[in-house]
Amino acid sequence: NRICRKKRSTSCGTINRGRILLEAERLLYHTFKTVKEIAFELGFENVPYFSTFFKANKGMSPEEFRKNC
């Protein structure tokens, strides 16, 4: 974590969340996978938690994001 903060001025957790969100956006935009499939692919065992995580960070649900793409 010290290395992340020194090199990027942010925590490793923040970097990981950003990577997960970017991959979620990519999968929602470019595939026909369900939100459940995407959640499991990204390591979420609980689909509602994935939706909450996505909405908290993007301001909309995964389904809304896909509709607006």
Protein backbone atom coordinates (compact mmCIF):
# COMPACT_ATOMS: atom_id res chain seq x y z
CA ASN A 1 0.00 0.00 0.00
CA ARG A 2 2.92 2.32 0.74
CA ILE A 3 4.28 1.77 -2.76
CA CYS A 4 0.89 2.56 -4.32
CA ARG A 5 0.60 5.74 -2.29
CA LYS A 6 4.15 6.78 -3.13
CA LYS A 7 3.89 6.07 -6.88
CA ARG A 8 0.24 6.97 -7.52
CA SER A 9 -0.81 9.09 -4.52
CA THR A 10 -3.69 6.69 -3.91
CA SER A 11 -4.32 3.39 -2.15
CA CYS A 12 -4.10 -0.05 -3.73
CA GLY A 13 -7.79 -0.51 -2.90
CA THR A 14 -8.72 2.55 -4.92
CA ILE A 15 -6.66 1.31 -7.85
CA ASN A 16 -8.29 -2.14 -7.65
CA ARG A 17 -11.81 -0.68 -7.46
CA GLY A 18 -11.07 1.45 -10.51
CA ARG A 19 -9.83 -1.58 -12.43
CA ILE A 20 -12.93 -3.58 -11.47
CA LEU A 21 -15.23 -0.73 -12.51
CA LEU A 22 -13.45 -0.30 -15.83
CA GLU A 23 -13.73 -4.03 -16.56
CA ALA A 24 -17.40 -4.03 -15.50
CA GLU A 25 -18.09 -1.15 -17.89
CA ARG A 26 -16.27 -2.94 -20.69
CA LEU A 27 -18.22 -6.16 -20.14
CA LEU A 28 -21.56 -4.34 -19.90
CA TYR A 29 -20.85 -2.41 -23.10
CA HIS A 30 -19.24 -5.07 -25.27
CA THR A 31 -20.90 -8.35 -24.24
CA PHE A 32 -24.34 -9.81 -23.81
CA LYS A 33 -23.42 -11.39 -20.47
CA THR A 34 -25.92 -10.96 -17.69
CA VAL A 35 -25.14 -8.77 -14.69
CA LYS A 36 -24.94 -11.97 -12.66
CA GLU A 37 -22.33 -13.46 -15.01
CA ILE A 38 -20.31 -10.25 -14.93
CA ALA A 39 -20.48 -10.03 -11.15
CA PHE A 40 -19.19 -13.58 -10.75
CA GLU A 41 -16.50 -13.06 -13.39
CA LEU A 42 -15.23 -10.05 -11.44
CA GLY A 43 -15.10 -11.99 -8.18
CA PHE A 44 -18.34 -10.90 -6.54
CA GLU A 45 -20.17 -13.77 -4.87
CA ASN A 46 -23.19 -11.60 -4.17
CA VAL A 47 -24.89 -9.98 -7.18
CA PRO A 48 -26.79 -7.35 -5.16
CA TYR A 49 -23.47 -6.27 -3.61
CA PHE A 50 -21.97 -5.90 -7.09
CA SER A 51 -24.92 -3.74 -8.13
CA THR A 52 -24.57 -1.62 -4.98
CA PHE A 53 -20.80 -1.29 -5.55
CA PHE A 54 -21.34 -0.28 -9.18
CA LYS A 55 -24.09 2.24 -8.38
CA ALA A 56 -22.10 3.79 -5.52
CA ASN A 57 -19.18 4.40 -7.86
CA LYS A 58 -20.91 5.19 -11.16
CA GLY A 59 -24.16 6.81 -9.99
CA MET A 60 -26.34 4.28 -11.82
CA SER A 61 -27.05 0.57 -11.70
CA PRO A 62 -25.32 -1.83 -14.11
CA GLU A 63 -28.62 -2.23 -15.96
CA GLU A 64 -29.03 1.55 -16.33
CA PHE A 65 -25.44 1.83 -17.53
CA ARG A 66 -26.05 -0.80 -20.20
CA LYS A 67 -29.25 0.91 -21.38
CA ASN A 68 -27.44 4.25 -21.69
CA CYS A 69 -24.49 2.88 -23.67
